[in-house]
Protein backbone atom coordinates (compact mmCIF):
# COMPACT_ATOMS: atom_id res chain seq x y z
CA MET A 1 -0.30 -0.19 -0.22
CA LYS A 2 1.28 3.49 -1.05
CA PRO A 3 1.75 6.36 1.76
CA MET A 4 -1.44 8.90 1.96
CA HIS A 5 -0.43 12.33 0.78
CA LYS A 6 -0.43 15.14 3.18
CA ILE A 7 -2.73 17.78 3.10
CA ARG A 8 -0.49 20.82 3.22
CA LYS A 9 -3.10 23.64 3.56
CA ASN A 10 -1.94 26.96 3.69
CA GLU A 11 -3.25 30.62 4.50
CA ASN A 12 -1.86 31.93 1.40
CA LEU A 13 -4.54 31.48 -1.34
CA LYS A 14 -1.54 31.23 -4.15
CA ILE A 15 0.16 28.83 -1.92
CA ASN A 16 -2.60 26.74 -1.32
CA LEU A 17 -3.79 26.25 -4.79
CA ASN A 18 -0.37 25.33 -5.86
CA HIS A 19 -0.25 22.67 -2.94
CA LEU A 20 -3.56 21.43 -4.38
CA PHE A 21 -2.73 21.33 -7.74
CA GLU A 22 0.55 19.48 -6.74
CA THR A 23 -1.17 16.84 -4.46
CA VAL A 24 -4.06 16.39 -7.50
CA LYS A 25 -1.25 15.58 -10.26
CA SER A 26 0.61 13.62 -7.95
CA LEU A 27 -2.44 11.67 -7.00
CA LEU A 28 -3.19 10.77 -10.98
CA ASN A 29 0.17 10.24 -11.75
CA ASP A 30 0.01 7.01 -9.42
CA GLU A 31 -3.44 5.89 -10.66
CA ASP A 32 -4.56 3.86 -13.36
CA ASP A 33 -8.49 3.19 -12.43
CA LEU A 34 -10.92 5.96 -12.95
CA ILE A 35 -13.14 5.85 -9.90
CA SER A 36 -10.08 5.60 -7.61
CA GLY A 37 -8.54 8.87 -9.16
CA LEU A 38 -11.48 10.85 -9.29
CA ALA A 39 -12.73 10.04 -5.87
CA ASN A 40 -9.12 11.21 -4.38
CA VAL A 41 -9.48 14.49 -6.58
CA SER A 42 -12.92 15.21 -5.08
CA SER A 43 -11.60 14.38 -1.88
CA VAL A 44 -8.64 16.65 -2.08
CA ILE A 45 -10.50 19.57 -3.36
CA ASN A 46 -12.92 19.16 -0.63
CA ALA A 47 -9.96 19.22 1.86
CA TYR A 48 -8.25 22.58 0.34
CA ILE A 49 -10.85 24.39 -0.58
CA THR A 50 -13.13 26.26 1.89
CA ASN A 51 -16.81 27.42 1.89
CA ILE A 52 -17.72 24.62 -0.42
CA ASN A 53 -20.60 22.21 0.10
CA TRP A 54 -20.40 19.71 -3.01
CA CYS A 55 -17.41 18.85 -4.88
CA GLY A 56 -17.65 15.70 -7.51
CA PHE A 57 -17.98 14.21 -10.73
CA TYR A 58 -20.63 13.82 -13.53
CA LEU A 59 -19.88 11.47 -16.05
CA ILE A 60 -21.52 10.85 -19.63
CA LYS A 61 -23.24 7.69 -19.90
CA ASN A 62 -26.30 7.08 -22.32
CA ASN A 63 -26.11 10.79 -23.44
CA LYS A 64 -26.66 11.97 -19.75
CA LEU A 65 -24.82 13.21 -17.24
CA VAL A 66 -24.65 10.36 -14.27
CA LEU A 67 -23.14 10.99 -10.84
CA GLY A 68 -19.53 9.96 -10.31
CA PRO A 69 -17.22 10.20 -7.14
CA PHE A 70 -17.68 13.58 -4.84
CA GLN A 71 -17.72 14.97 -1.57
CA GLY A 72 -20.97 15.98 0.34
CA LEU A 73 -24.85 15.51 0.56
CA PRO A 74 -26.26 12.82 -1.89
CA ALA A 75 -26.89 14.58 -5.13
CA CYS A 76 -29.08 13.94 -8.41
CA THR A 77 -28.33 10.78 -10.09
CA ARG A 78 -28.87 11.97 -13.90
CA ILE A 79 -28.60 15.31 -15.58
CA ASP A 80 -29.56 15.81 -18.94
CA ILE A 81 -27.16 17.25 -21.61
CA GLY A 82 -28.38 20.88 -21.73
CA LYS A 83 -30.17 21.22 -18.55
CA GLY A 84 -28.66 22.91 -15.26
CA VAL A 85 -25.24 24.59 -14.64
CA CYS A 86 -23.52 20.99 -15.20
CA GLY A 87 -25.46 19.91 -18.36
CA THR A 88 -25.39 23.30 -20.04
CA ALA A 89 -21.57 23.31 -19.65
CA ALA A 90 -21.18 20.04 -20.53
CA LYS A 91 -23.35 20.96 -23.62
CA THR A 92 -21.61 24.12 -24.67
CA LYS A 93 -18.03 22.29 -23.42
CA THR A 94 -17.05 25.57 -21.40
CA PRO A 95 -16.41 26.43 -17.61
CA LEU A 96 -19.26 27.90 -16.19
CA ILE A 97 -18.72 30.31 -13.24
CA VAL A 98 -22.12 31.12 -11.50
CA PRO A 99 -22.21 33.74 -8.91
CA ASN A 100 -25.87 33.29 -7.68
CA VAL A 101 -27.75 29.52 -8.49
CA HIS A 102 -30.75 31.17 -8.27
CA LYS A 103 -30.66 33.83 -11.31
CA PHE A 104 -29.62 30.76 -13.22
CA PRO A 105 -32.38 29.91 -16.23
CA GLY A 106 -33.37 25.66 -15.06
CA HIS A 107 -30.76 25.70 -12.08
CA ILE A 108 -31.28 22.16 -10.85
CA ALA A 109 -30.99 22.75 -6.85
CA CYS A 110 -29.32 19.03 -5.66
CA ASP A 111 -28.70 20.78 -2.03
CA VAL A 112 -31.03 23.28 -1.40
CA ASN A 113 -27.63 25.22 0.48
CA SER A 114 -25.69 25.78 -2.48
CA GLN A 115 -25.43 29.23 -3.87
CA SER A 116 -22.75 29.54 -6.28
CA GLU A 117 -21.08 26.89 -8.61
CA VAL A 118 -18.53 26.42 -10.90
CA VAL A 119 -18.79 23.66 -13.41
CA ILE A 120 -15.54 22.42 -15.70
CA PRO A 121 -16.08 20.32 -18.56
CA LEU A 122 -13.49 16.90 -18.95
CA PHE A 123 -12.85 15.24 -22.18
CA LYS A 124 -11.59 12.86 -23.71
CA ASN A 125 -9.46 12.47 -26.68
CA SER A 126 -11.52 15.86 -27.50
CA LYS A 127 -15.25 14.50 -26.56
CA ILE A 128 -16.91 15.65 -23.78
CA PHE A 129 -16.58 13.06 -21.13
CA GLY A 130 -18.46 14.57 -17.87
CA VAL A 131 -17.56 17.64 -15.83
CA LEU A 132 -16.12 18.62 -12.42
CA ASP A 133 -18.64 20.66 -10.25
CA ILE A 134 -18.13 22.49 -7.29
CA ASP A 135 -21.00 24.27 -4.87
CA SER A 136 -20.50 26.77 -2.37
CA PRO A 137 -23.11 28.00 0.34
CA LYS A 138 -22.07 31.20 -0.42
CA LEU A 139 -23.06 33.86 -2.89
CA ASN A 140 -20.55 34.75 -5.46
CA ARG A 141 -17.91 32.42 -3.60
CA PHE A 142 -15.05 31.54 -6.31
CA LYS A 143 -12.27 33.67 -6.69
CA LYS A 144 -10.63 33.92 -10.31
CA ALA A 145 -7.57 32.13 -8.86
CA GLU A 146 -9.58 28.88 -7.72
CA VAL A 147 -11.45 29.06 -11.03
CA ASN A 148 -8.16 28.98 -12.97
CA THR A 149 -6.88 26.21 -10.58
CA PHE A 150 -9.78 24.09 -11.32
CA ILE A 151 -9.12 24.70 -15.18
CA LYS A 152 -5.68 23.68 -14.41
CA ILE A 153 -7.10 20.23 -12.69
CA ALA A 154 -9.14 19.33 -14.97
CA ALA A 155 -6.23 19.52 -17.85
CA LEU A 156 -4.57 17.26 -15.50
CA ILE A 157 -7.93 15.07 -15.37
CA ASN A 158 -8.10 15.04 -19.13
CA LYS A 159 -4.71 13.62 -19.80
CA PHE A 160 -5.41 11.15 -16.98
CA ILE A 161 -8.62 10.00 -18.73
CA GLY A 162 -7.29 9.67 -22.19
CA CYS A 163 -4.28 7.22 -20.77
CA LEU A 164 -7.25 4.86 -19.32
């Protein structure tokens, strides 16, 4: 059994985000199973990022987003492509940062405590594979530096998925 990764949280946001990125990179470099890799990524994001209430993945199966590994309360198990924040990000293949989910047309409230959300599409061989979804109970929660780190993490995940 390999040693567990140490969480090195820091009060400095830039340092903390760098530690998060490097930890995810290390976890994915050592893994060859999709579910195990994504489960650890959601766990690490949940450990490093404050003021979030849900973090995880929806993966495309039968032209729907199906709940994958996550941290948080039970969630919607299937989301139609084009519906809600996750489905819209999957359809448009672009990241979505939603400062107030209640103002997003067609928002799906899996957790009534969620106030803001960021969703980053994931790809395998340039084809949509799923999304990374992170919710917060605070309005306008996600800073540009955090979103940029999530996009970099998604790029690592895309590379990881492509190798499976």
